[in-house]
Amino acid sequence: MSHKHSSLLRAIFHDPVSGNIHWREIESLLRHLGASITPAHGARFHVTLNGCEEFVHHPHQSNVCDRTMIKHLREFLSRAGVSPSSYENAE
């Protein structure tokens, strides 16, 4: 895992939740983790990772994701078995 992806994964799981994470960074991380991302209706994307499925919303007014979306993404990644420690130990 690249340093950039590793840092982003730590930021997603860090408390307090960051409000400065861009959608394109999240999309890149998900693809790096092996997720399948397909456009759905409107600003929604269907994401499948390690057998877990979720709909993720692209931010509307800007490309910066709000804290609620980051918390939602954190829960999805946890269900899919992804955590910063699991990828740091694999390196």
PDB file of N, CA and C in Angstrom:
ATOM      1  N   MET A   1       0.854  -1.171   0.000  1.00  0.00           N
ATOM      2  CA  MET A   1       0.000   0.000   0.000  1.00  0.00           C
ATOM      3  C   MET A   1       0.898   1.231   0.000  1.00  0.00           C
ATOM      4  N   SER A   2       0.562   2.188  -0.838  1.00  0.00           N
ATOM      5  CA  SER A   2       1.363   3.401  -0.916  1.00  0.00           C
ATOM      6  C   SER A   2       1.201   4.218   0.366  1.00  0.00           C
ATOM      7  N   HIS A   3       2.150   5.110   0.578  1.00  0.00           N
ATOM      8  CA  HIS A   3       2.107   5.969   1.764  1.00  0.00           C
ATOM      9  C   HIS A   3       0.842   6.833   1.752  1.00  0.00           C
ATOM     10  N   LYS A   4       0.461   7.301   0.574  1.00  0.00           N
ATOM     11  CA  LYS A   4      -0.733   8.146   0.453  1.00  0.00           C
ATOM     12  C   LYS A   4      -1.991   7.383   0.857  1.00  0.00           C
ATOM     13  N   HIS A   5      -2.140   6.143   0.376  1.00  0.00           N
ATOM     14  CA  HIS A   5      -3.310   5.341   0.738  1.00  0.00           C
ATOM     15  C   HIS A   5      -3.297   4.988   2.219  1.00  0.00           C
ATOM     16  N   SER A   6      -2.126   4.682   2.742  1.00  0.00           N
ATOM     17  CA  SER A   6      -2.001   4.349   4.160  1.00  0.00           C
ATOM     18  C   SER A   6      -2.392   5.542   5.036  1.00  0.00           C
ATOM     19  N   SER A   7      -1.926   6.730   4.660  1.00  0.00           N
ATOM     20  CA  SER A   7      -2.266   7.944   5.417  1.00  0.00           C
ATOM     21  C   SER A   7      -3.760   8.235   5.355  1.00  0.00           C
ATOM     22  N   LEU A   8      -4.352   8.037   4.185  1.00  0.00           N
ATOM     23  CA  LEU A   8      -5.789   8.276   4.026  1.00  0.00           C
ATOM     24  C   LEU A   8      -6.596   7.298   4.868  1.00  0.00           C
ATOM     25  N   LEU A   9      -6.186   6.043   4.887  1.00  0.00           N
ATOM     26  CA  LEU A   9      -6.890   5.040   5.686  1.00  0.00           C
ATOM     27  C   LEU A   9      -6.824   5.397   7.171  1.00  0.00           C
ATOM     28  N   ARG A  10      -5.661   5.857   7.636  1.00  0.00           N
ATOM     29  CA  ARG A  10      -5.534   6.291   9.036  1.00  0.00           C
ATOM     30  C   ARG A  10      -6.422   7.501   9.306  1.00  0.00           C
ATOM     31  N   ALA A  11      -6.504   8.439   8.350  1.00  0.00           N
ATOM     32  CA  ALA A  11      -7.345   9.631   8.521  1.00  0.00           C
ATOM     33  C   ALA A  11      -8.820   9.256   8.610  1.00  0.00           C
ATOM     34  N   ILE A  12      -9.246   8.266   7.838  1.00  0.00           N
ATOM     35  CA  ILE A  12     -10.648   7.835   7.869  1.00  0.00           C
ATOM     36  C   ILE A  12     -10.997   7.243   9.228  1.00  0.00           C
ATOM     37  N   PHE A  13     -10.075   6.505   9.822  1.00  0.00           N
ATOM     38  CA  PHE A  13     -10.340   5.848  11.103  1.00  0.00           C
ATOM     39  C   PHE A  13      -9.950   6.701  12.308  1.00  0.00           C
ATOM     40  N   HIS A  14      -9.426   7.896  12.087  1.00  0.00           N
ATOM     41  CA  HIS A  14      -8.975   8.753  13.184  1.00  0.00           C
ATOM     42  C   HIS A  14     -10.148   9.511  13.801  1.00  0.00           C
ATOM     43  N   ASP A  15     -10.102   9.707  15.107  1.00  0.00           N
ATOM     44  CA  ASP A  15     -11.070  10.563  15.802  1.00  0.00           C
ATOM     45  C   ASP A  15     -10.341  11.790  16.307  1.00  0.00           C
ATOM     46  N   PRO A  16     -10.847  12.992  16.150  1.00  0.00           N
ATOM     47  CA  PRO A  16     -12.111  13.346  15.500  1.00  0.00           C
ATOM     48  C   PRO A  16     -12.019  13.153  13.988  1.00  0.00           C
ATOM     49  N   VAL A  17     -13.167  12.963  13.389  1.00  0.00           N
ATOM     50  CA  VAL A  17     -13.252  12.691  11.958  1.00  0.00           C
ATOM     51  C   VAL A  17     -12.813  13.920  11.165  1.00  0.00           C
ATOM     52  N   SER A  18     -12.001  13.691  10.151  1.00  0.00           N
ATOM     53  CA  SER A  18     -11.519  14.778   9.303  1.00  0.00           C
ATOM     54  C   SER A  18     -12.630  15.256   8.376  1.00  0.00           C
ATOM     55  N   GLY A  19     -12.681  16.540   8.155  1.00  0.00           N
ATOM     56  CA  GLY A  19     -13.641  17.110   7.222  1.00  0.00           C
ATOM     57  C   GLY A  19     -12.952  17.595   5.964  1.00  0.00           C
ATOM     58  N   ASN A  20     -11.742  17.086   5.695  1.00  0.00           N
ATOM     59  CA  ASN A  20     -10.955  17.564   4.566  1.00  0.00           C
ATOM     60  C   ASN A  20     -10.444  16.405   3.712  1.00  0.00           C
ATOM     61  N   ILE A  21     -11.323  15.463   3.419  1.00  0.00           N
ATOM     62  CA  ILE A  21     -10.952  14.326   2.585  1.00  0.00           C
ATOM     63  C   ILE A  21     -11.733  14.442   1.281  1.00  0.00           C
ATOM     64  N   HIS A  22     -11.024  14.372   0.168  1.00  0.00           N
ATOM     65  CA  HIS A  22     -11.633  14.549  -1.146  1.00  0.00           C
ATOM     66  C   HIS A  22     -12.165  13.228  -1.692  1.00  0.00           C
ATOM     67  N   TRP A  23     -13.251  13.326  -2.450  1.00  0.00           N
ATOM     68  CA  TRP A  23     -13.894  12.151  -3.032  1.00  0.00           C
ATOM     69  C   TRP A  23     -12.918  11.361  -3.901  1.00  0.00           C
ATOM     70  N   ARG A  24     -12.123  12.037  -4.717  1.00  0.00           N
ATOM     71  CA  ARG A  24     -11.218  11.323  -5.631  1.00  0.00           C
ATOM     72  C   ARG A  24     -10.188  10.501  -4.858  1.00  0.00           C
ATOM     73  N   GLU A  25      -9.790  10.961  -3.658  1.00  0.00           N
ATOM     74  CA  GLU A  25      -8.860  10.195  -2.822  1.00  0.00           C
ATOM     75  C   GLU A  25      -9.533   8.930  -2.295  1.00  0.00           C
ATOM     76  N   ILE A  26     -10.792   9.060  -1.885  1.00  0.00           N
ATOM     77  CA  ILE A  26     -11.539   7.899  -1.385  1.00  0.00           C
ATOM     78  C   ILE A  26     -11.752   6.892  -2.510  1.00  0.00           C
ATOM     79  N   GLU A  27     -12.117   7.390  -3.675  1.00  0.00           N
ATOM     80  CA  GLU A  27     -12.330   6.503  -4.820  1.00  0.00           C
ATOM     81  C   GLU A  27     -11.038   5.760  -5.173  1.00  0.00           C
ATOM     82  N   SER A  28      -9.917   6.446  -5.146  1.00  0.00           N
ATOM     83  CA  SER A  28      -8.622   5.822  -5.430  1.00  0.00           C
ATOM     84  C   SER A  28      -8.286   4.756  -4.393  1.00  0.00           C
ATOM     85  N   LEU A  29      -8.530   5.056  -3.119  1.00  0.00           N
ATOM     86  CA  LEU A  29      -8.264   4.088  -2.048  1.00  0.00           C
ATOM     87  C   LEU A  29      -9.133   2.846  -2.216  1.00  0.00           C
ATOM     88  N   LEU A  30     -10.420   3.044  -2.470  1.00  0.00           N
ATOM     89  CA  LEU A  30     -11.326   1.904  -2.634  1.00  0.00           C
ATOM     90  C   LEU A  30     -10.893   1.017  -3.800  1.00  0.00           C
ATOM     91  N   ARG A  31     -10.507   1.626  -4.905  1.00  0.00           N
ATOM     92  CA  ARG A  31     -10.040   0.839  -6.054  1.00  0.00           C
ATOM     93  C   ARG A  31      -8.754   0.093  -5.707  1.00  0.00           C
ATOM     94  N   HIS A  32      -7.858   0.746  -4.968  1.00  0.00           N
ATOM     95  CA  HIS A  32      -6.608   0.100  -4.553  1.00  0.00           C
ATOM     96  C   HIS A  32      -6.886  -1.109  -3.658  1.00  0.00           C
ATOM     97  N   LEU A  33      -7.915  -1.013  -2.835  1.00  0.00           N
ATOM     98  CA  LEU A  33      -8.274  -2.115  -1.943  1.00  0.00           C
ATOM     99  C   LEU A  33      -8.982  -3.248  -2.687  1.00  0.00           C
ATOM    100  N   GLY A  34      -9.312  -3.018  -3.960  1.00  0.00           N
ATOM    101  CA  GLY A  34      -9.951  -4.063  -4.757  1.00  0.00           C
ATOM    102  C   GLY A  34     -11.452  -3.923  -4.869  1.00  0.00           C
ATOM    103  N   ALA A  35     -11.973  -2.759  -4.522  1.00  0.00           N
ATOM    104  CA  ALA A  35     -13.422  -2.544  -4.576  1.00  0.00           C
ATOM    105  C   ALA A  35     -13.881  -2.344  -6.012  1.00  0.00           C
ATOM    106  N   SER A  36     -15.092  -2.772  -6.258  1.00  0.00           N
ATOM    107  CA  SER A  36     -15.754  -2.502  -7.525  1.00  0.00           C
ATOM    108  C   SER A  36     -16.678  -1.311  -7.285  1.00  0.00           C
ATOM    109  N   ILE A  37     -16.530  -0.259  -8.090  1.00  0.00           N
ATOM    110  CA  ILE A  37     -17.326   0.960  -7.933  1.00  0.00           C
ATOM    111  C   ILE A  37     -18.095   1.188  -9.227  1.00  0.00           C
ATOM    112  N   THR A  38     -19.428   1.167  -9.124  1.00  0.00           N
ATOM    113  CA  THR A  38     -20.257   1.397 -10.304  1.00  0.00           C
ATOM    114  C   THR A  38     -21.237   2.527 -10.026  1.00  0.00           C
ATOM    115  N   PRO A  39     -21.424   3.430 -10.991  1.00  0.00           N
ATOM    116  CA  PRO A  39     -22.374   4.525 -10.797  1.00  0.00           C
ATOM    117  C   PRO A  39     -23.792   3.982 -10.631  1.00  0.00           C
ATOM    118  N   ALA A  40     -24.528   4.586  -9.739  1.00  0.00           N
ATOM    119  CA  ALA A  40     -25.933   4.245  -9.529  1.00  0.00           C
ATOM    120  C   ALA A  40     -26.744   5.499  -9.868  1.00  0.00           C
ATOM    121  N   HIS A  41     -27.924   5.601  -9.343  1.00  0.00           N
ATOM    122  CA  HIS A  41     -28.798   6.735  -9.633  1.00  0.00           C
ATOM    123  C   HIS A  41     -28.275   8.016  -8.980  1.00  0.00           C
ATOM    124  N   GLY A  42     -28.228   9.101  -9.740  1.00  0.00           N
ATOM    125  CA  GLY A  42     -27.826  10.394  -9.206  1.00  0.00           C
ATOM    126  C   GLY A  42     -26.364  10.418  -8.801  1.00  0.00           C
ATOM    127  N   ALA A  43     -26.106  10.866  -7.576  1.00  0.00           N
ATOM    128  CA  ALA A  43     -24.739  10.993  -7.075  1.00  0.00           C
ATOM    129  C   ALA A  43     -24.319   9.766  -6.273  1.00  0.00           C
ATOM    130  N   ARG A  44     -25.063   8.670  -6.426  1.00  0.00           N
ATOM    131  CA  ARG A  44     -24.751   7.467  -5.652  1.00  0.00           C
ATOM    132  C   ARG A  44     -23.870   6.524  -6.456  1.00  0.00           C
ATOM    133  N   PHE A  45     -23.000   5.828  -5.726  1.00  0.00           N
ATOM    134  CA  PHE A  45     -22.142   4.814  -6.321  1.00  0.00           C
ATOM    135  C   PHE A  45     -22.316   3.527  -5.536  1.00  0.00           C
ATOM    136  N   HIS A  46     -22.412   2.416  -6.256  1.00  0.00           N
ATOM    137  CA  HIS A  46     -22.526   1.107  -5.621  1.00  0.00           C
ATOM    138  C   HIS A  46     -21.109   0.565  -5.460  1.00  0.00           C
ATOM    139  N   VAL A  47     -20.715   0.293  -4.216  1.00  0.00           N
ATOM    140  CA  VAL A  47     -19.364  -0.176  -3.920  1.00  0.00           C
ATOM    141  C   VAL A  47     -19.450  -1.585  -3.354  1.00  0.00           C
ATOM    142  N   THR A  48     -18.653  -2.497  -3.907  1.00  0.00           N
ATOM    143  CA  THR A  48     -18.556  -3.862  -3.403  1.00  0.00           C
ATOM    144  C   THR A  48     -17.106  -4.122  -3.033  1.00  0.00           C
ATOM    145  N   LEU A  49     -16.880  -4.525  -1.780  1.00  0.00           N
ATOM    146  CA  LEU A  49     -15.526  -4.786  -1.287  1.00  0.00           C
ATOM    147  C   LEU A  49     -15.565  -5.981  -0.349  1.00  0.00           C
ATOM    148  N   ASN A  50     -14.794  -7.001  -0.652  1.00  0.00           N
ATOM    149  CA  ASN A  50     -14.711  -8.213   0.179  1.00  0.00           C
ATOM    150  C   ASN A  50     -16.086  -8.807   0.478  1.00  0.00           C
ATOM    151  N   GLY A  51     -16.976  -8.780  -0.496  1.00  0.00           N
ATOM    152  CA  GLY A  51     -18.304  -9.357  -0.325  1.00  0.00           C
ATOM    153  C   GLY A  51     -19.308  -8.440   0.347  1.00  0.00           C
ATOM    154  N   CYS A  52     -18.889  -7.265   0.784  1.00  0.00           N
ATOM    155  CA  CYS A  52     -19.805  -6.293   1.407  1.00  0.00           C
ATOM    156  C   CYS A  52     -20.218  -5.262   0.360  1.00  0.00           C
ATOM    157  N   GLU A  53     -21.492  -4.912   0.380  1.00  0.00           N
ATOM    158  CA  GLU A  53     -22.015  -3.940  -0.575  1.00  0.00           C
ATOM    159  C   GLU A  53     -22.539  -2.719   0.156  1.00  0.00           C
ATOM    160  N   GLU A  54     -22.383  -1.567  -0.485  1.00  0.00           N
ATOM    161  CA  GLU A  54     -22.826  -0.311   0.121  1.00  0.00           C
ATOM    162  C   GLU A  54     -23.048   0.706  -0.993  1.00  0.00           C
ATOM    163  N   PHE A  55     -23.955   1.650  -0.752  1.00  0.00           N
ATOM    164  CA  PHE A  55     -24.111   2.794  -1.639  1.00  0.00           C
ATOM    165  C   PHE A  55     -23.424   3.976  -0.979  1.00  0.00           C
ATOM    166  N   VAL A  56     -22.561   4.625  -1.738  1.00  0.00           N
ATOM    167  CA  VAL A  56     -21.812   5.779  -1.239  1.00  0.00           C
ATOM    168  C   VAL A  56     -22.233   6.982  -2.070  1.00  0.00           C
ATOM    169  N   HIS A  57     -22.425   8.119  -1.414  1.00  0.00           N
ATOM    170  CA  HIS A  57     -22.858   9.330  -2.099  1.00  0.00           C
ATOM    171  C   HIS A  57     -21.671  10.233  -2.394  1.00  0.00           C
ATOM    172  N   HIS A  58     -21.590  10.682  -3.640  1.00  0.00           N
ATOM    173  CA  HIS A  58     -20.591  11.670  -4.035  1.00  0.00           C
ATOM    174  C   HIS A  58     -21.045  13.014  -3.471  1.00  0.00           C
ATOM    175  N   PRO A  59     -20.130  13.818  -2.920  1.00  0.00           N
ATOM    176  CA  PRO A  59     -20.525  15.136  -2.401  1.00  0.00           C
ATOM    177  C   PRO A  59     -21.117  16.006  -3.517  1.00  0.00           C
ATOM    178  N   HIS A  60     -22.120  16.800  -3.182  1.00  0.00           N
ATOM    179  CA  HIS A  60     -22.821  17.579  -4.199  1.00  0.00           C
ATOM    180  C   HIS A  60     -22.146  18.906  -4.532  1.00  0.00           C
ATOM    181  N   GLN A  61     -21.940  19.760  -3.571  1.00  0.00           N
ATOM    182  CA  GLN A  61     -21.458  21.114  -3.837  1.00  0.00           C
ATOM    183  C   GLN A  61     -19.956  21.198  -4.058  1.00  0.00           C
ATOM    184  N   SER A  62     -19.220  20.263  -3.505  1.00  0.00           N
ATOM    185  CA  SER A  62     -17.767  20.272  -3.675  1.00  0.00           C
ATOM    186  C   SER A  62     -17.289  18.835  -3.741  1.00  0.00           C
ATOM    187  N   ASN A  63     -16.004  18.661  -3.861  1.00  0.00           N
ATOM    188  CA  ASN A  63     -15.446  17.314  -3.892  1.00  0.00           C
ATOM    189  C   ASN A  63     -14.961  16.865  -2.525  1.00  0.00           C
ATOM    190  N   VAL A  64     -15.178  17.693  -1.497  1.00  0.00           N
ATOM    191  CA  VAL A  64     -14.758  17.359  -0.138  1.00  0.00           C
ATOM    192  C   VAL A  64     -15.901  16.638   0.568  1.00  0.00           C
ATOM    193  N   CYS A  65     -15.597  15.495   1.157  1.00  0.00           N
ATOM    194  CA  CYS A  65     -16.606  14.683   1.846  1.00  0.00           C
ATOM    195  C   CYS A  65     -16.848  15.219   3.249  1.00  0.00           C
ATOM    196  N   ASP A  66     -18.101  15.229   3.668  1.00  0.00           N
ATOM    197  CA  ASP A  66     -18.407  15.703   5.012  1.00  0.00           C
ATOM    198  C   ASP A  66     -18.141  14.607   6.047  1.00  0.00           C
ATOM    199  N   ARG A  67     -18.168  14.998   7.305  1.00  0.00           N
ATOM    200  CA  ARG A  67     -17.834  14.079   8.399  1.00  0.00           C
ATOM    201  C   ARG A  67     -18.795  12.890   8.472  1.00  0.00           C
ATOM    202  N   THR A  68     -20.065  13.123   8.168  1.00  0.00           N
ATOM    203  CA  THR A  68     -21.050  12.042   8.200  1.00  0.00           C
ATOM    204  C   THR A  68     -20.713  10.972   7.167  1.00  0.00           C
ATOM    205  N   MET A  69     -20.316  11.393   5.983  1.00  0.00           N
ATOM    206  CA  MET A  69     -19.957  10.426   4.949  1.00  0.00           C
ATOM    207  C   MET A  69     -18.710   9.643   5.352  1.00  0.00           C
ATOM    208  N   ILE A  70     -17.745  10.308   5.972  1.00  0.00           N
ATOM    209  CA  ILE A  70     -16.517   9.629   6.397  1.00  0.00           C
ATOM    210  C   ILE A  70     -16.852   8.589   7.470  1.00  0.00           C
ATOM    211  N   LYS A  71     -17.748   8.919   8.395  1.00  0.00           N
ATOM    212  CA  LYS A  71     -18.162   7.941   9.415  1.00  0.00           C
ATOM    213  C   LYS A  71     -18.855   6.746   8.763  1.00  0.00           C
ATOM    214  N   HIS A  72     -19.698   7.021   7.787  1.00  0.00           N
ATOM    215  CA  HIS A  72     -20.405   5.973   7.045  1.00  0.00           C
ATOM    216  C   HIS A  72     -19.396   5.079   6.317  1.00  0.00           C
ATOM    217  N   LEU A  73     -18.409   5.697   5.690  1.00  0.00           N
ATOM    218  CA  LEU A  73     -17.367   4.952   4.980  1.00  0.00           C
ATOM    219  C   LEU A  73     -16.542   4.117   5.955  1.00  0.00           C
ATOM    220  N   ARG A  74     -16.253   4.670   7.113  1.00  0.00           N
ATOM    221  CA  ARG A  74     -15.498   3.939   8.145  1.00  0.00           C
ATOM    222  C   ARG A  74     -16.244   2.668   8.560  1.00  0.00           C
ATOM    223  N   GLU A  75     -17.552   2.784   8.769  1.00  0.00           N
ATOM    224  CA  GLU A  75     -18.363   1.614   9.142  1.00  0.00           C
ATOM    225  C   GLU A  75     -18.355   0.566   8.032  1.00  0.00           C
ATOM    226  N   PHE A  76     -18.466   1.012   6.783  1.00  0.00           N
ATOM    227  CA  PHE A  76     -18.438   0.087   5.650  1.00  0.00           C
ATOM    228  C   PHE A  76     -17.089  -0.634   5.569  1.00  0.00           C
ATOM    229  N   LEU A  77     -15.998   0.109   5.693  1.00  0.00           N
ATOM    230  CA  LEU A  77     -14.671  -0.507   5.629  1.00  0.00           C
ATOM    231  C   LEU A  77     -14.478  -1.509   6.765  1.00  0.00           C
ATOM    232  N   SER A  78     -14.986  -1.188   7.945  1.00  0.00           N
ATOM    233  CA  SER A  78     -14.884  -2.119   9.079  1.00  0.00           C
ATOM    234  C   SER A  78     -15.636  -3.409   8.788  1.00  0.00           C
ATOM    235  N   ARG A  79     -16.846  -3.290   8.237  1.00  0.00           N
ATOM    236  CA  ARG A  79     -17.621  -4.484   7.884  1.00  0.00           C
ATOM    237  C   ARG A  79     -16.912  -5.320   6.826  1.00  0.00           C
ATOM    238  N   ALA A  80     -16.163  -4.653   5.950  1.00  0.00           N
ATOM    239  CA  ALA A  80     -15.447  -5.347   4.878  1.00  0.00           C
ATOM    240  C   ALA A  80     -14.102  -5.896   5.354  1.00  0.00           C
ATOM    241  N   GLY A  81     -13.772  -5.678   6.622  1.00  0.00           N
ATOM    242  CA  GLY A  81     -12.528  -6.216   7.169  1.00  0.00           C
ATOM    243  C   GLY A  81     -11.306  -5.358   6.915  1.00  0.00           C
ATOM    244  N   VAL A  82     -11.520  -4.084   6.623  1.00  0.00           N
ATOM    245  CA  VAL A  82     -10.408  -3.174   6.347  1.00  0.00           C
ATOM    246  C   VAL A  82     -10.187  -2.275   7.551  1.00  0.00           C
ATOM    247  N   SER A  83      -8.950  -2.199   8.014  1.00  0.00           N
ATOM    248  CA  SER A  83      -8.573  -1.289   9.091  1.00  0.00           C
ATOM    249  C   SER A  83      -7.127  -0.871   8.864  1.00  0.00           C
ATOM    250  N   PRO A  84      -6.710   0.248   9.444  1.00  0.00           N
ATOM    251  CA  PRO A  84      -5.313   0.663   9.264  1.00  0.00           C
ATOM    252  C   PRO A  84      -4.331  -0.393   9.762  1.00  0.00           C
ATOM    253  N   SER A  85      -4.623  -1.014  10.883  1.00  0.00           N
ATOM    254  CA  SER A  85      -3.688  -1.998  11.440  1.00  0.00           C
ATOM    255  C   SER A  85      -3.572  -3.233  10.556  1.00  0.00           C
ATOM    256  N   SER A  86      -4.655  -3.648   9.924  1.00  0.00           N
ATOM    257  CA  SER A  86      -4.586  -4.839   9.072  1.00  0.00           C
ATOM    258  C   SER A  86      -3.683  -4.608   7.864  1.00  0.00           C
ATOM    259  N   TYR A  87      -3.626  -3.387   7.359  1.00  0.00           N
ATOM    260  CA  TYR A  87      -2.776  -3.107   6.204  1.00  0.00           C
ATOM    261  C   TYR A  87      -1.366  -2.719   6.608  1.00  0.00           C
ATOM    262  N   GLU A  88      -1.184  -2.128   7.788  1.00  0.00           N
ATOM    263  CA  GLU A  88       0.172  -1.817   8.245  1.00  0.00           C
ATOM    264  C   GLU A  88       0.907  -3.098   8.615  1.00  0.00           C
ATOM    265  N   ASN A  89       0.199  -4.070   9.179  1.00  0.00           N
ATOM    266  CA  ASN A  89       0.822  -5.342   9.542  1.00  0.00           C
ATOM    267  C   ASN A  89       1.149  -6.179   8.313  1.00  0.00           C
ATOM    268  N   ALA A  90       0.408  -5.975   7.220  1.00  0.00           N
ATOM    269  CA  ALA A  90       0.631  -6.762   6.004  1.00  0.00           C
ATOM    270  C   ALA A  90       1.873  -6.308   5.247  1.00  0.00           C
ATOM    271  N   GLU A  91       2.337  -5.091   5.520  1.00  0.00           N
ATOM    272  CA  GLU A  91       3.498  -4.558   4.793  1.00  0.00           C
ATOM    273  C   GLU A  91       4.775  -5.099   5.285  1.00  0.00           C
TER     274      GLU A  91
END
